[in-house]
Amino acid sequence: MRIGVIGGGAWGTALAQVAARGGQDVVLWAREPEVVASINHAHENTRFLAGITLPASIRATQSLGDLAGCEALLVVVPAQHVRTVLAETAVGATPLVLCAKGIEAGTQLLVGEVAQQLHPHSPIAVLSGPTFAHEVAAGQPTAVTLACVDEALGAALAERLGGPTFRPYASTDVIGAEIGGAVKNVLAIACGVVEGAGLGQNARAALIARGFAEMTRFGLARGARAETLSGLSGLGDLVLTCSSTSSRNFSLGMGLGQGKRAADLLADRLTVAEGAFTAPVLREAASAAGVAMPVVEAVCDLLEGRDVHAVIDALLARPLTRE
């Protein structure tokens, strides 16, 4: 199975390396000419994944047309850009593996729903889980959810991408895998706020637990299965991104917790903190579904410039209720 990767950031590059295991050819599309040149000539993505040597079997390109002939495409561009990029890509009936985590602004559609809208003849799969790109690229053990309604296709993709240190676990719950990945980014910002404001480990543990309850309520309302949300793509990814400064969302939250402005923090970043874009969309989607998500609402307040201490005080002043 010849794999193409759409997106030349750290995660796209790491997945290209996974797909190239054993010398298999991989085509990677990147928008940035310097990324393409670096991968093709130095066999390293010096901009987004410096220090990782890539196999020569990965060929980078700026032309989406070069993905023709691929038997599966991994879509690894930021969630808010998926529609634009896929609209420019001739896909046909090629399977699309969505690796971006977010909800589209304006439509409240999951990434897989956007892809299906644009390419209705393409089977859809979702790859999601606790994954820091640099660890995957370094060959450290990683497990992910690979969700696909077509179980035979899911098994083929898992066989193609899986290896001793990269373990895909099969699921048919595409919606659950997507929701876990999208919501955890917002909750990671909240946990970063706890760290930045110096609120302690008790507060972070409580926030992870209450945030997971919010994720579960929203996921069930959108048709997800509870066991998916408690698996790698939900709880597993939540634990990882809520406890490490390697998480872009957690780092953003730390800055907010220290009283810095969201606009300044976001302007000073090379890579995208997806949670900042997902939070307001998630708030709207939760409201439309009648789901209470106070932690998500608090993150939105901070991103909109409200004082961090006022937001924390308001969250802690909520009426006590049953768990």
C-alpha atoms as a PDB file:
ATOM      1  CA  MET A   1       0.000   0.000   0.000  1.00  0.00           C
ATOM      2  CA  ARG A   2       1.625   3.220  -1.205  1.00  0.00           C
ATOM      3  CA  ILE A   3       1.127   5.992   1.360  1.00  0.00           C
ATOM      4  CA  GLY A   4       0.887   9.719   0.751  1.00  0.00           C
ATOM      5  CA  VAL A   5       1.031  12.275   3.568  1.00  0.00           C
ATOM      6  CA  ILE A   6      -0.670  15.673   3.281  1.00  0.00           C
ATOM      7  CA  GLY A   7       1.085  18.018   5.688  1.00  0.00           C
ATOM      8  CA  GLY A   8       4.760  18.643   6.366  1.00  0.00           C
ATOM      9  CA  GLY A   9       4.644  19.660  10.029  1.00  0.00           C
ATOM     10  CA  ALA A  10       6.180  17.641  12.848  1.00  0.00           C
ATOM     11  CA  TRP A  11       3.333  15.120  13.050  1.00  0.00           C
ATOM     12  CA  GLY A  12       3.034  14.673   9.296  1.00  0.00           C
ATOM     13  CA  THR A  13       6.794  14.124   9.044  1.00  0.00           C
ATOM     14  CA  ALA A  14       6.778  11.626  11.908  1.00  0.00           C
ATOM     15  CA  LEU A  15       3.953   9.674  10.270  1.00  0.00           C
ATOM     16  CA  ALA A  16       5.796   9.711   6.951  1.00  0.00           C
ATOM     17  CA  GLN A  17       8.748   8.160   8.739  1.00  0.00           C
ATOM     18  CA  VAL A  18       6.463   5.504  10.256  1.00  0.00           C
ATOM     19  CA  ALA A  19       5.020   4.734   6.812  1.00  0.00           C
ATOM     20  CA  ALA A  20       8.502   4.566   5.262  1.00  0.00           C
ATOM     21  CA  ARG A  21       9.655   1.834   7.653  1.00  0.00           C
ATOM     22  CA  GLY A  22      11.500  -0.891   5.783  1.00  0.00           C
ATOM     23  CA  GLY A  23      12.334   1.380   2.857  1.00  0.00           C
ATOM     24  CA  GLN A  24       8.815   1.766   1.505  1.00  0.00           C
ATOM     25  CA  ASP A  25       8.227   4.809  -0.699  1.00  0.00           C
ATOM     26  CA  VAL A  26       6.220   7.673   0.792  1.00  0.00           C
ATOM     27  CA  VAL A  27       5.190  10.960  -0.846  1.00  0.00           C
ATOM     28  CA  LEU A  28       4.854  13.893   1.551  1.00  0.00           C
ATOM     29  CA  TRP A  29       3.178  17.142   0.509  1.00  0.00           C
ATOM     30  CA  ALA A  30       4.212  20.330   2.290  1.00  0.00           C
ATOM     31  CA  ARG A  31       3.244  23.912   1.548  1.00  0.00           C
ATOM     32  CA  GLU A  32       6.610  25.395   2.595  1.00  0.00           C
ATOM     33  CA  PRO A  33       9.338  25.218  -0.084  1.00  0.00           C
ATOM     34  CA  GLU A  34      12.072  25.179   2.562  1.00  0.00           C
ATOM     35  CA  VAL A  35      10.533  22.081   4.149  1.00  0.00           C
ATOM     36  CA  VAL A  36      10.410  20.281   0.813  1.00  0.00           C
ATOM     37  CA  ALA A  37      14.026  21.195   0.047  1.00  0.00           C
ATOM     38  CA  SER A  38      15.226  20.180   3.508  1.00  0.00           C
ATOM     39  CA  ILE A  39      13.558  16.758   3.375  1.00  0.00           C
ATOM     40  CA  ASN A  40      14.700  15.982  -0.182  1.00  0.00           C
ATOM     41  CA  HIS A  41      18.282  17.192   0.136  1.00  0.00           C
ATOM     42  CA  ALA A  42      19.216  16.936   3.818  1.00  0.00           C
ATOM     43  CA  HIS A  43      16.747  14.128   4.723  1.00  0.00           C
ATOM     44  CA  GLU A  44      15.590  16.149   7.712  1.00  0.00           C
ATOM     45  CA  ASN A  45      12.699  18.498   8.384  1.00  0.00           C
ATOM     46  CA  THR A  46      14.869  21.179   9.964  1.00  0.00           C
ATOM     47  CA  ARG A  47      11.948  23.562  10.482  1.00  0.00           C
ATOM     48  CA  PHE A  48       9.458  21.333  12.288  1.00  0.00           C
ATOM     49  CA  LEU A  49      11.295  18.153  13.358  1.00  0.00           C
ATOM     50  CA  ALA A  50      14.964  19.043  13.646  1.00  0.00           C
ATOM     51  CA  GLY A  51      17.451  16.376  14.660  1.00  0.00           C
ATOM     52  CA  ILE A  52      15.559  13.404  13.168  1.00  0.00           C
ATOM     53  CA  THR A  53      17.158  11.753  10.144  1.00  0.00           C
ATOM     54  CA  LEU A  54      14.558  10.703   7.582  1.00  0.00           C
ATOM     55  CA  PRO A  55      14.910   7.809   5.132  1.00  0.00           C
ATOM     56  CA  ALA A  56      15.630   8.608   1.505  1.00  0.00           C
ATOM     57  CA  SER A  57      12.439   6.780   0.546  1.00  0.00           C
ATOM     58  CA  ILE A  58      10.423   9.827   1.706  1.00  0.00           C
ATOM     59  CA  ARG A  59      10.002  12.240  -1.206  1.00  0.00           C
ATOM     60  CA  ALA A  60       8.623  15.686  -0.425  1.00  0.00           C
ATOM     61  CA  THR A  61       6.698  17.801  -2.916  1.00  0.00           C
ATOM     62  CA  GLN A  62       4.777  21.047  -3.164  1.00  0.00           C
ATOM     63  CA  SER A  63       2.422  19.620  -5.787  1.00  0.00           C
ATOM     64  CA  LEU A  64      -0.719  17.872  -4.584  1.00  0.00           C
ATOM     65  CA  GLY A  65      -0.841  16.204  -7.985  1.00  0.00           C
ATOM     66  CA  ASP A  66       2.183  14.125  -7.001  1.00  0.00           C
ATOM     67  CA  LEU A  67      -0.055  12.215  -4.584  1.00  0.00           C
ATOM     68  CA  ALA A  68      -1.824  10.555  -7.519  1.00  0.00           C
ATOM     69  CA  GLY A  69      -1.295   6.820  -7.390  1.00  0.00           C
ATOM     70  CA  CYS A  70      -1.176   6.663  -3.595  1.00  0.00           C
ATOM     71  CA  GLU A  71      -3.410   3.953  -2.168  1.00  0.00           C
ATOM     72  CA  ALA A  72      -4.111   5.833   1.077  1.00  0.00           C
ATOM     73  CA  LEU A  73      -3.633   9.454   2.107  1.00  0.00           C
ATOM     74  CA  LEU A  74      -2.832  10.568   5.661  1.00  0.00           C
ATOM     75  CA  VAL A  75      -4.312  14.045   6.145  1.00  0.00           C
ATOM     76  CA  VAL A  76      -2.152  15.875   8.700  1.00  0.00           C
ATOM     77  CA  VAL A  77      -2.807  19.580   8.092  1.00  0.00           C
ATOM     78  CA  PRO A  78      -4.359  21.730  10.879  1.00  0.00           C
ATOM     79  CA  ALA A  79      -8.075  21.105  11.278  1.00  0.00           C
ATOM     80  CA  GLN A  80      -9.125  24.567  10.110  1.00  0.00           C
ATOM     81  CA  HIS A  81      -7.208  24.079   6.827  1.00  0.00           C
ATOM     82  CA  VAL A  82      -8.451  20.577   5.976  1.00  0.00           C
ATOM     83  CA  ARG A  83     -11.330  21.806   3.798  1.00  0.00           C
ATOM     84  CA  THR A  84      -9.125  24.114   1.707  1.00  0.00           C
ATOM     85  CA  VAL A  85      -6.402  21.524   1.137  1.00  0.00           C
ATOM     86  CA  LEU A  86      -8.731  18.620   0.379  1.00  0.00           C
ATOM     87  CA  ALA A  87     -10.727  20.792  -2.033  1.00  0.00           C
ATOM     88  CA  GLU A  88      -7.497  21.212  -4.018  1.00  0.00           C
ATOM     89  CA  THR A  89      -6.634  17.493  -3.943  1.00  0.00           C
ATOM     90  CA  ALA A  90      -7.792  14.982  -6.556  1.00  0.00           C
ATOM     91  CA  VAL A  91      -8.737  12.090  -4.278  1.00  0.00           C
ATOM     92  CA  GLY A  92     -11.170   9.937  -6.254  1.00  0.00           C
ATOM     93  CA  ALA A  93     -11.988   6.962  -4.058  1.00  0.00           C
ATOM     94  CA  THR A  94      -8.647   6.862  -2.226  1.00  0.00           C
ATOM     95  CA  PRO A  95      -9.021   6.144   1.507  1.00  0.00           C
ATOM     96  CA  LEU A  96      -8.428   9.211   3.701  1.00  0.00           C
ATOM     97  CA  VAL A  97      -6.871   8.764   7.140  1.00  0.00           C
ATOM     98  CA  LEU A  98      -7.626  11.882   9.185  1.00  0.00           C
ATOM     99  CA  CYS A  99      -4.854  12.745  11.628  1.00  0.00           C
ATOM    100  CA  ALA A 100      -5.858  16.350  12.422  1.00  0.00           C
ATOM    101  CA  LYS A 101      -7.693  17.035  15.702  1.00  0.00           C
ATOM    102  CA  GLY A 102     -10.377  19.693  15.774  1.00  0.00           C
ATOM    103  CA  ILE A 103     -13.860  20.887  14.817  1.00  0.00           C
ATOM    104  CA  GLU A 104     -14.374  23.153  11.826  1.00  0.00           C
ATOM    105  CA  ALA A 105     -15.300  26.743  12.641  1.00  0.00           C
ATOM    106  CA  GLY A 106     -18.582  27.881  11.172  1.00  0.00           C
ATOM    107  CA  THR A 107     -19.972  24.416  10.436  1.00  0.00           C
ATOM    108  CA  GLN A 108     -19.256  22.547  13.719  1.00  0.00           C
ATOM    109  CA  LEU A 109     -18.284  19.564  11.554  1.00  0.00           C
ATOM    110  CA  LEU A 110     -15.670  17.040  12.628  1.00  0.00           C
ATOM    111  CA  VAL A 111     -12.684  16.699  10.293  1.00  0.00           C
ATOM    112  CA  GLY A 112     -13.969  13.380   8.977  1.00  0.00           C
ATOM    113  CA  GLU A 113     -17.339  14.931   8.205  1.00  0.00           C
ATOM    114  CA  VAL A 114     -15.601  17.697   6.230  1.00  0.00           C
ATOM    115  CA  ALA A 115     -13.623  15.106   4.278  1.00  0.00           C
ATOM    116  CA  GLN A 116     -16.720  13.029   3.561  1.00  0.00           C
ATOM    117  CA  GLN A 117     -18.579  16.107   2.369  1.00  0.00           C
ATOM    118  CA  LEU A 118     -15.818  16.921  -0.119  1.00  0.00           C
ATOM    119  CA  HIS A 119     -14.971  13.359  -1.181  1.00  0.00           C
ATOM    120  CA  PRO A 120     -18.065  11.171  -0.647  1.00  0.00           C
ATOM    121  CA  HIS A 121     -16.528   8.176  -2.451  1.00  0.00           C
ATOM    122  CA  SER A 122     -13.460   7.978  -0.199  1.00  0.00           C
ATOM    123  CA  PRO A 123     -13.526   5.630   2.797  1.00  0.00           C
ATOM    124  CA  ILE A 124     -12.709   7.543   5.990  1.00  0.00           C
ATOM    125  CA  ALA A 125     -10.446   6.465   8.842  1.00  0.00           C
ATOM    126  CA  VAL A 126      -9.191   8.366  11.885  1.00  0.00           C
ATOM    127  CA  LEU A 127      -5.793   7.952  13.507  1.00  0.00           C
ATOM    128  CA  SER A 128      -5.651   9.521  16.955  1.00  0.00           C
ATOM    129  CA  GLY A 129      -4.096   8.944  20.343  1.00  0.00           C
ATOM    130  CA  PRO A 130      -1.380  10.046  22.792  1.00  0.00           C
ATOM    131  CA  THR A 131       1.332  11.022  20.332  1.00  0.00           C
ATOM    132  CA  PHE A 132       4.146  13.526  20.615  1.00  0.00           C
ATOM    133  CA  ALA A 133       5.699  13.663  17.147  1.00  0.00           C
ATOM    134  CA  HIS A 134       9.310  13.742  18.341  1.00  0.00           C
ATOM    135  CA  GLU A 135       8.836  10.547  20.367  1.00  0.00           C
ATOM    136  CA  VAL A 136       7.199   8.714  17.453  1.00  0.00           C
ATOM    137  CA  ALA A 137       9.989   9.871  15.126  1.00  0.00           C
ATOM    138  CA  ALA A 138      12.615   8.731  17.638  1.00  0.00           C
ATOM    139  CA  GLY A 139      11.102   5.239  17.661  1.00  0.00           C
ATOM    140  CA  GLN A 140       9.777   5.364  21.227  1.00  0.00           C
ATOM    141  CA  PRO A 141       6.803   3.073  21.969  1.00  0.00           C
ATOM    142  CA  THR A 142       3.473   4.616  20.964  1.00  0.00           C
ATOM    143  CA  ALA A 143      -0.078   3.261  20.760  1.00  0.00           C
ATOM    144  CA  VAL A 144      -2.938   4.891  18.837  1.00  0.00           C
ATOM    145  CA  THR A 145      -6.546   4.315  17.896  1.00  0.00           C
ATOM    146  CA  LEU A 146      -7.138   3.617  14.210  1.00  0.00           C
ATOM    147  CA  ALA A 147     -10.881   3.942  13.662  1.00  0.00           C
ATOM    148  CA  CYS A 148     -12.553   2.896  10.420  1.00  0.00           C
ATOM    149  CA  VAL A 149     -16.109   1.763   9.732  1.00  0.00           C
ATOM    150  CA  ASP A 150     -14.735  -0.620   7.068  1.00  0.00           C
ATOM    151  CA  GLU A 151     -13.031  -3.155   9.332  1.00  0.00           C
ATOM    152  CA  ALA A 152     -11.090  -4.794   6.506  1.00  0.00           C
ATOM    153  CA  LEU A 153      -9.637  -1.443   5.427  1.00  0.00           C
ATOM    154  CA  GLY A 154      -8.862  -0.597   9.042  1.00  0.00           C
ATOM    155  CA  ALA A 155      -6.978  -3.866   9.429  1.00  0.00           C
ATOM    156  CA  ALA A 156      -5.015  -3.231   6.217  1.00  0.00           C
ATOM    157  CA  LEU A 157      -4.063   0.268   7.353  1.00  0.00           C
ATOM    158  CA  ALA A 158      -3.027  -1.016  10.779  1.00  0.00           C
ATOM    159  CA  GLU A 159      -0.895  -3.700   9.145  1.00  0.00           C
ATOM    160  CA  ARG A 160       0.745  -1.131   6.859  1.00  0.00           C
ATOM    161  CA  LEU A 161       1.480   1.452   9.556  1.00  0.00           C
ATOM    162  CA  GLY A 162       2.021  -0.779  12.576  1.00  0.00           C
ATOM    163  CA  GLY A 163       5.416  -1.867  13.817  1.00  0.00           C
ATOM    164  CA  PRO A 164       7.281  -2.839  16.983  1.00  0.00           C
ATOM    165  CA  THR A 165       7.100   0.685  18.427  1.00  0.00           C
ATOM    166  CA  PHE A 166       3.954   2.012  16.715  1.00  0.00           C
ATOM    167  CA  ARG A 167       0.853   0.045  17.664  1.00  0.00           C
ATOM    168  CA  PRO A 168      -2.538   0.918  16.105  1.00  0.00           C
ATOM    169  CA  TYR A 169      -5.568  -0.470  17.968  1.00  0.00           C
ATOM    170  CA  ALA A 170      -8.641  -1.033  15.804  1.00  0.00           C
ATOM    171  CA  SER A 171     -12.025   0.620  16.302  1.00  0.00           C
ATOM    172  CA  THR A 172     -15.078   1.315  14.174  1.00  0.00           C
ATOM    173  CA  ASP A 173     -16.046   4.428  16.182  1.00  0.00           C
ATOM    174  CA  VAL A 174     -14.797   7.208  13.911  1.00  0.00           C
ATOM    175  CA  ILE A 175     -16.826   9.889  15.701  1.00  0.00           C
ATOM    176  CA  GLY A 176     -15.520   8.920  19.137  1.00  0.00           C
ATOM    177  CA  ALA A 177     -11.898   8.913  17.971  1.00  0.00           C
ATOM    178  CA  GLU A 178     -12.334  12.383  16.495  1.00  0.00           C
ATOM    179  CA  ILE A 179     -14.126  13.900  19.472  1.00  0.00           C
ATOM    180  CA  GLY A 180     -11.527  12.667  21.930  1.00  0.00           C
ATOM    181  CA  GLY A 181      -8.738  14.274  19.929  1.00  0.00           C
ATOM    182  CA  ALA A 182     -10.574  17.557  19.488  1.00  0.00           C
ATOM    183  CA  VAL A 183     -11.805  18.051  23.060  1.00  0.00           C
ATOM    184  CA  LYS A 184      -8.560  17.053  24.763  1.00  0.00           C
ATOM    185  CA  ASN A 185      -6.758  19.962  23.081  1.00  0.00           C
ATOM    186  CA  VAL A 186      -9.055  22.441  24.826  1.00  0.00           C
ATOM    187  CA  LEU A 187      -8.737  20.654  28.162  1.00  0.00           C
ATOM    188  CA  ALA A 188      -4.942  20.675  27.811  1.00  0.00           C
ATOM    189  CA  ILE A 189      -5.076  24.482  27.675  1.00  0.00           C
ATOM    190  CA  ALA A 190      -7.048  24.439  30.924  1.00  0.00           C
ATOM    191  CA  CYS A 191      -4.479  22.185  32.604  1.00  0.00           C
ATOM    192  CA  GLY A 192      -1.711  24.478  31.414  1.00  0.00           C
ATOM    193  CA  VAL A 193      -3.546  27.357  33.094  1.00  0.00           C
ATOM    194  CA  VAL A 194      -3.528  25.394  36.356  1.00  0.00           C
ATOM    195  CA  GLU A 195       0.238  24.981  36.049  1.00  0.00           C
ATOM    196  CA  GLY A 196       0.894  28.577  35.028  1.00  0.00           C
ATOM    197  CA  ALA A 197      -1.253  29.964  37.846  1.00  0.00           C
ATOM    198  CA  GLY A 198       0.414  27.696  40.415  1.00  0.00           C
ATOM    199  CA  LEU A 199      -2.803  26.006  41.531  1.00  0.00           C
ATOM    200  CA  GLY A 200      -1.155  22.671  42.358  1.00  0.00           C
ATOM    201  CA  GLN A 201      -1.363  19.001  41.410  1.00  0.00           C
ATOM    202  CA  ASN A 202      -4.709  18.400  43.168  1.00  0.00           C
ATOM    203  CA  ALA A 203      -6.320  21.009  40.947  1.00  0.00           C
ATOM    204  CA  ARG A 204      -4.821  19.521  37.798  1.00  0.00           C
ATOM    205  CA  ALA A 205      -6.039  16.001  38.668  1.00  0.00           C
ATOM    206  CA  ALA A 206      -9.510  17.345  39.413  1.00  0.00           C
ATOM    207  CA  LEU A 207      -9.553  19.273  36.150  1.00  0.00           C
ATOM    208  CA  ILE A 208      -8.538  16.210  34.130  1.00  0.00           C
ATOM    209  CA  ALA A 209     -11.334  14.185  35.740  1.00  0.00           C
ATOM    210  CA  ARG A 210     -14.000  16.868  35.335  1.00  0.00           C
ATOM    211  CA  GLY A 211     -12.778  17.640  31.834  1.00  0.00           C
ATOM    212  CA  PHE A 212     -13.052  13.979  30.909  1.00  0.00           C
ATOM    213  CA  ALA A 213     -16.650  14.055  32.151  1.00  0.00           C
ATOM    214  CA  GLU A 214     -17.294  16.981  29.796  1.00  0.00           C
ATOM    215  CA  MET A 215     -15.651  15.111  26.917  1.00  0.00           C
ATOM    216  CA  THR A 216     -17.809  12.071  27.600  1.00  0.00           C
ATOM    217  CA  ARG A 217     -21.061  14.055  27.793  1.00  0.00           C
ATOM    218  CA  PHE A 218     -20.340  15.825  24.541  1.00  0.00           C
ATOM    219  CA  GLY A 219     -19.121  12.684  22.801  1.00  0.00           C
ATOM    220  CA  LEU A 220     -22.201  10.672  23.713  1.00  0.00           C
ATOM    221  CA  ALA A 221     -24.407  13.529  22.513  1.00  0.00           C
ATOM    222  CA  ARG A 222     -22.649  13.425  19.135  1.00  0.00           C
ATOM    223  CA  GLY A 223     -22.916   9.635  18.755  1.00  0.00           C
ATOM    224  CA  ALA A 224     -19.570   8.472  20.162  1.00  0.00           C
ATOM    225  CA  ARG A 225     -19.176   5.296  22.203  1.00  0.00           C
ATOM    226  CA  ALA A 226     -18.124   5.570  25.847  1.00  0.00           C
ATOM    227  CA  GLU A 227     -15.426   2.907  25.489  1.00  0.00           C
ATOM    228  CA  THR A 228     -13.738   4.907  22.714  1.00  0.00           C
ATOM    229  CA  LEU A 229     -13.622   8.026  24.858  1.00  0.00           C
ATOM    230  CA  SER A 230     -12.047   6.055  27.713  1.00  0.00           C
ATOM    231  CA  GLY A 231      -9.437   4.604  25.343  1.00  0.00           C
ATOM    232  CA  LEU A 232      -6.287   5.839  23.652  1.00  0.00           C
ATOM    233  CA  SER A 233      -7.888   8.552  21.518  1.00  0.00           C
ATOM    234  CA  GLY A 234      -9.801  10.008  24.473  1.00  0.00           C
ATOM    235  CA  LEU A 235      -8.509   9.524  27.997  1.00  0.00           C
ATOM    236  CA  GLY A 236      -5.067   8.394  26.820  1.00  0.00           C
ATOM    237  CA  ASP A 237      -4.493  11.509  24.731  1.00  0.00           C
ATOM    238  CA  LEU A 238      -5.991  13.685  27.479  1.00  0.00           C
ATOM    239  CA  VAL A 239      -3.545  12.413  30.097  1.00  0.00           C
ATOM    240  CA  LEU A 240      -0.565  13.014  27.809  1.00  0.00           C
ATOM    241  CA  THR A 241      -1.398  16.532  26.703  1.00  0.00           C
ATOM    242  CA  CYS A 242      -2.565  17.665  30.148  1.00  0.00           C
ATOM    243  CA  SER A 243       0.737  16.840  31.810  1.00  0.00           C
ATOM    244  CA  SER A 244       3.624  17.939  29.610  1.00  0.00           C
ATOM    245  CA  THR A 245       5.116  21.177  28.327  1.00  0.00           C
ATOM    246  CA  SER A 246       5.804  19.305  25.081  1.00  0.00           C
ATOM    247  CA  SER A 247       2.089  19.849  24.393  1.00  0.00           C
ATOM    248  CA  ARG A 248       1.545  23.072  22.440  1.00  0.00           C
ATOM    249  CA  ASN A 249      -1.877  23.457  24.035  1.00  0.00           C
ATOM    250  CA  PHE A 250      -0.561  22.928  27.559  1.00  0.00           C
ATOM    251  CA  SER A 251       2.199  25.476  26.939  1.00  0.00           C
ATOM    252  CA  LEU A 252      -0.353  27.996  25.676  1.00  0.00           C
ATOM    253  CA  GLY A 253      -2.381  27.455  28.831  1.00  0.00           C
ATOM    254  CA  MET A 254       0.692  27.986  30.999  1.00  0.00           C
ATOM    255  CA  GLY A 255       1.159  31.396  29.425  1.00  0.00           C
ATOM    256  CA  LEU A 256      -2.489  32.268  30.009  1.00  0.00           C
ATOM    257  CA  GLY A 257      -2.181  31.130  33.622  1.00  0.00           C
ATOM    258  CA  GLN A 258       0.747  33.513  34.054  1.00  0.00           C
ATOM    259  CA  GLY A 259      -1.457  36.392  32.895  1.00  0.00           C
ATOM    260  CA  LYS A 260      -0.141  36.703  29.340  1.00  0.00           C
ATOM    261  CA  ARG A 261      -2.445  37.646  26.466  1.00  0.00           C
ATOM    262  CA  ALA A 262      -3.655  34.915  24.135  1.00  0.00           C
ATOM    263  CA  ALA A 263      -2.997  37.042  21.042  1.00  0.00           C
ATOM    264  CA  ASP A 264       0.641  37.523  22.027  1.00  0.00           C
ATOM    265  CA  LEU A 265       1.156  33.850  22.838  1.00  0.00           C
ATOM    266  CA  LEU A 266      -0.402  32.660  19.578  1.00  0.00           C
ATOM    267  CA  ALA A 267       1.526  35.183  17.465  1.00  0.00           C
ATOM    268  CA  ASP A 268       4.804  33.912  18.887  1.00  0.00           C
ATOM    269  CA  ARG A 269       4.333  30.299  17.749  1.00  0.00           C
ATOM    270  CA  LEU A 270       5.760  28.392  14.819  1.00  0.00           C
ATOM    271  CA  THR A 271       3.252  25.564  15.217  1.00  0.00           C
ATOM    272  CA  VAL A 272      -0.512  25.575  15.774  1.00  0.00           C
ATOM    273  CA  ALA A 273      -2.150  25.109  19.189  1.00  0.00           C
ATOM    274  CA  GLU A 274      -5.326  23.520  17.820  1.00  0.00           C
ATOM    275  CA  GLY A 275      -7.234  23.934  21.074  1.00  0.00           C
ATOM    276  CA  ALA A 276      -7.291  27.715  20.693  1.00  0.00           C
ATOM    277  CA  PHE A 277      -9.307  27.369  17.480  1.00  0.00           C
ATOM    278  CA  THR A 278     -11.411  24.430  18.649  1.00  0.00           C
ATOM    279  CA  ALA A 279     -12.524  25.996  21.961  1.00  0.00           C
ATOM    280  CA  PRO A 280     -15.051  28.553  20.637  1.00  0.00           C
ATOM    281  CA  VAL A 281     -16.444  26.065  18.110  1.00  0.00           C
ATOM    282  CA  LEU A 282     -16.767  23.422  20.802  1.00  0.00           C
ATOM    283  CA  ARG A 283     -18.595  25.887  23.065  1.00  0.00           C
ATOM    284  CA  GLU A 284     -21.101  26.578  20.277  1.00  0.00           C
ATOM    285  CA  ALA A 285     -21.528  22.892  19.460  1.00  0.00           C
ATOM    286  CA  ALA A 286     -22.013  21.979  23.125  1.00  0.00           C
ATOM    287  CA  SER A 287     -24.610  24.703  23.549  1.00  0.00           C
ATOM    288  CA  ALA A 288     -26.476  23.483  20.467  1.00  0.00           C
ATOM    289  CA  ALA A 289     -26.446  19.945  21.865  1.00  0.00           C
ATOM    290  CA  GLY A 290     -27.546  21.070  25.334  1.00  0.00           C
ATOM    291  CA  VAL A 291     -24.329  19.816  26.939  1.00  0.00           C
ATOM    292  CA  ALA A 292     -22.771  21.693  29.881  1.00  0.00           C
ATOM    293  CA  MET A 293     -19.005  22.206  29.446  1.00  0.00           C
ATOM    294  CA  PRO A 294     -17.906  24.766  32.065  1.00  0.00           C
ATOM    295  CA  VAL A 295     -14.185  24.032  31.684  1.00  0.00           C
ATOM    296  CA  VAL A 296     -14.413  24.638  27.940  1.00  0.00           C
ATOM    297  CA  GLU A 297     -16.328  27.867  28.571  1.00  0.00           C
ATOM    298  CA  ALA A 298     -13.601  29.010  30.987  1.00  0.00           C
ATOM    299  CA  VAL A 299     -10.921  28.397  28.356  1.00  0.00           C
ATOM    300  CA  CYS A 300     -12.928  30.468  25.873  1.00  0.00           C
ATOM    301  CA  ASP A 301     -13.139  33.300  28.398  1.00  0.00           C
ATOM    302  CA  LEU A 302      -9.357  33.295  28.790  1.00  0.00           C
ATOM    303  CA  LEU A 303      -8.751  33.208  25.055  1.00  0.00           C
ATOM    304  CA  GLU A 304     -11.079  36.198  24.719  1.00  0.00           C
ATOM    305  CA  GLY A 305      -8.971  38.182  27.195  1.00  0.00           C
ATOM    306  CA  ARG A 306     -10.793  37.842  30.501  1.00  0.00           C
ATOM    307  CA  ASP A 307      -8.630  38.065  33.649  1.00  0.00           C
ATOM    308  CA  VAL A 308      -7.273  34.648  34.626  1.00  0.00           C
ATOM    309  CA  HIS A 309      -8.035  35.025  38.333  1.00  0.00           C
ATOM    310  CA  ALA A 310     -11.606  36.118  37.631  1.00  0.00           C
ATOM    311  CA  VAL A 311     -12.129  33.079  35.401  1.00  0.00           C
ATOM    312  CA  ILE A 312     -10.679  30.683  37.983  1.00  0.00           C
ATOM    313  CA  ASP A 313     -12.754  32.219  40.779  1.00  0.00           C
ATOM    314  CA  ALA A 314     -15.928  31.921  38.705  1.00  0.00           C
ATOM    315  CA  LEU A 315     -15.219  28.253  37.956  1.00  0.00           C
ATOM    316  CA  LEU A 316     -14.571  27.453  41.621  1.00  0.00           C
ATOM    317  CA  ALA A 317     -17.734  29.319  42.672  1.00  0.00           C
ATOM    318  CA  ARG A 318     -20.039  27.062  40.645  1.00  0.00           C
ATOM    319  CA  PRO A 319     -22.696  25.293  42.764  1.00  0.00           C
ATOM    320  CA  LEU A 320     -21.739  21.894  44.148  1.00  0.00           C
ATOM    321  CA  THR A 321     -23.440  19.005  42.376  1.00  0.00           C
ATOM    322  CA  ARG A 322     -23.455  15.218  42.089  1.00  0.00           C
ATOM    323  CA  GLU A 323     -20.560  13.552  40.292  1.00  0.00           C
END
